[in-house]
Amino acid sequence: MATKYLAAGSITFASPAWSGGAIANTDDLVIAEPFGIVAIGLNQSALAGLESVWIKPTCTAGRIGGGAAGSFLVDVDNSSDAFVANQGGVELYIAAAGPSGKIENLDQSGPGSTYITAGTVDDVTISQGRLTANGSAVIVNLVAVGGSSMIEYNATAITSAEFHGGNHTVRRAVTTLTVSGGATVVYDPDDAATITGTTIVTRGGRLVHRAGATPTIINRGGTYDLSQARISFTPGGTSWTAIGTRITQSTSVPITNLARVFGSQIVASDGPVPV
């Protein structure tokens, strides 16, 4: 395992740009200084896996991939702690595209942005900046405490997605979706998404639910907003409990399965309905 640093101002990931030579298996790659637009040396898919790709806060500018250059193709799974961290002001296009097609951990915590374009990421965290996962990328677990994200449709559901801050849109199924704190989440699963096993939990924040007859809903605070529904659906078919929650109605979404309500408020077109 070797630690290699990218030279300031680089426009390539080929060997001359890295201290210690070409990128190799189990490397820790550190990007600490501003660089240009990297479009060369991005295909590292033949490697078994890196240990880390760390874009430090001191790296205030640069772009890796994008456009005709495509994505940085690499697995980052040498250990269970292996990670990609974008803590700088960088635009990163990355795809888990090696033998296993996996990135263990990915952290978007700088003012820049990360685009996951393919492969599987086991754990994603977001606290600042923006993250986009396109339709070819699988996310297993996600935790967001800030920033923003767009999670496009993929047939594989996210196992657990927790949103505690920031602004986020999710277009795929989630087995357990939790919203709390100051987060605003638009949950708009594609019509092709299978959400028969989904549980929604709100403990604060605002969840805008636009589609999908989610079977289990537990509202324990915040706002559960149905007013922007784009299709007719019936939420809470198996179980729906609301405690201290503001529920905003839609004419296309019947509230028929709300079994237990304590200190909540249903806001209809003609004003609040105490329940």
Foldseek 3Di string as FASTA:
>chain_A
DEEWEAAAADQEQAFVRIVPGHDAEQYAYEYQAEYEEHLYPLPPQAHPAYQEDEDAQNHAEYEYADDPSAAREGEHPPDLNREYERAYQYEHEHWPRHPQREHNEYEDRHQHEYEYEAGEYEEYEYEHHEYEYEQRYHYAEYEYQEYEYEYAEYQDEHAYYEYAYYEYEHAEEYLEYEYEHAYEYEYHHDPPHDQANHEYEYQAHEYAYADDQHQHYHANYHEDEPQNHPAAYEHNNNAAEHEHYEYEDHPRYDPDHHDYYHNYWYAYPVGIDGD
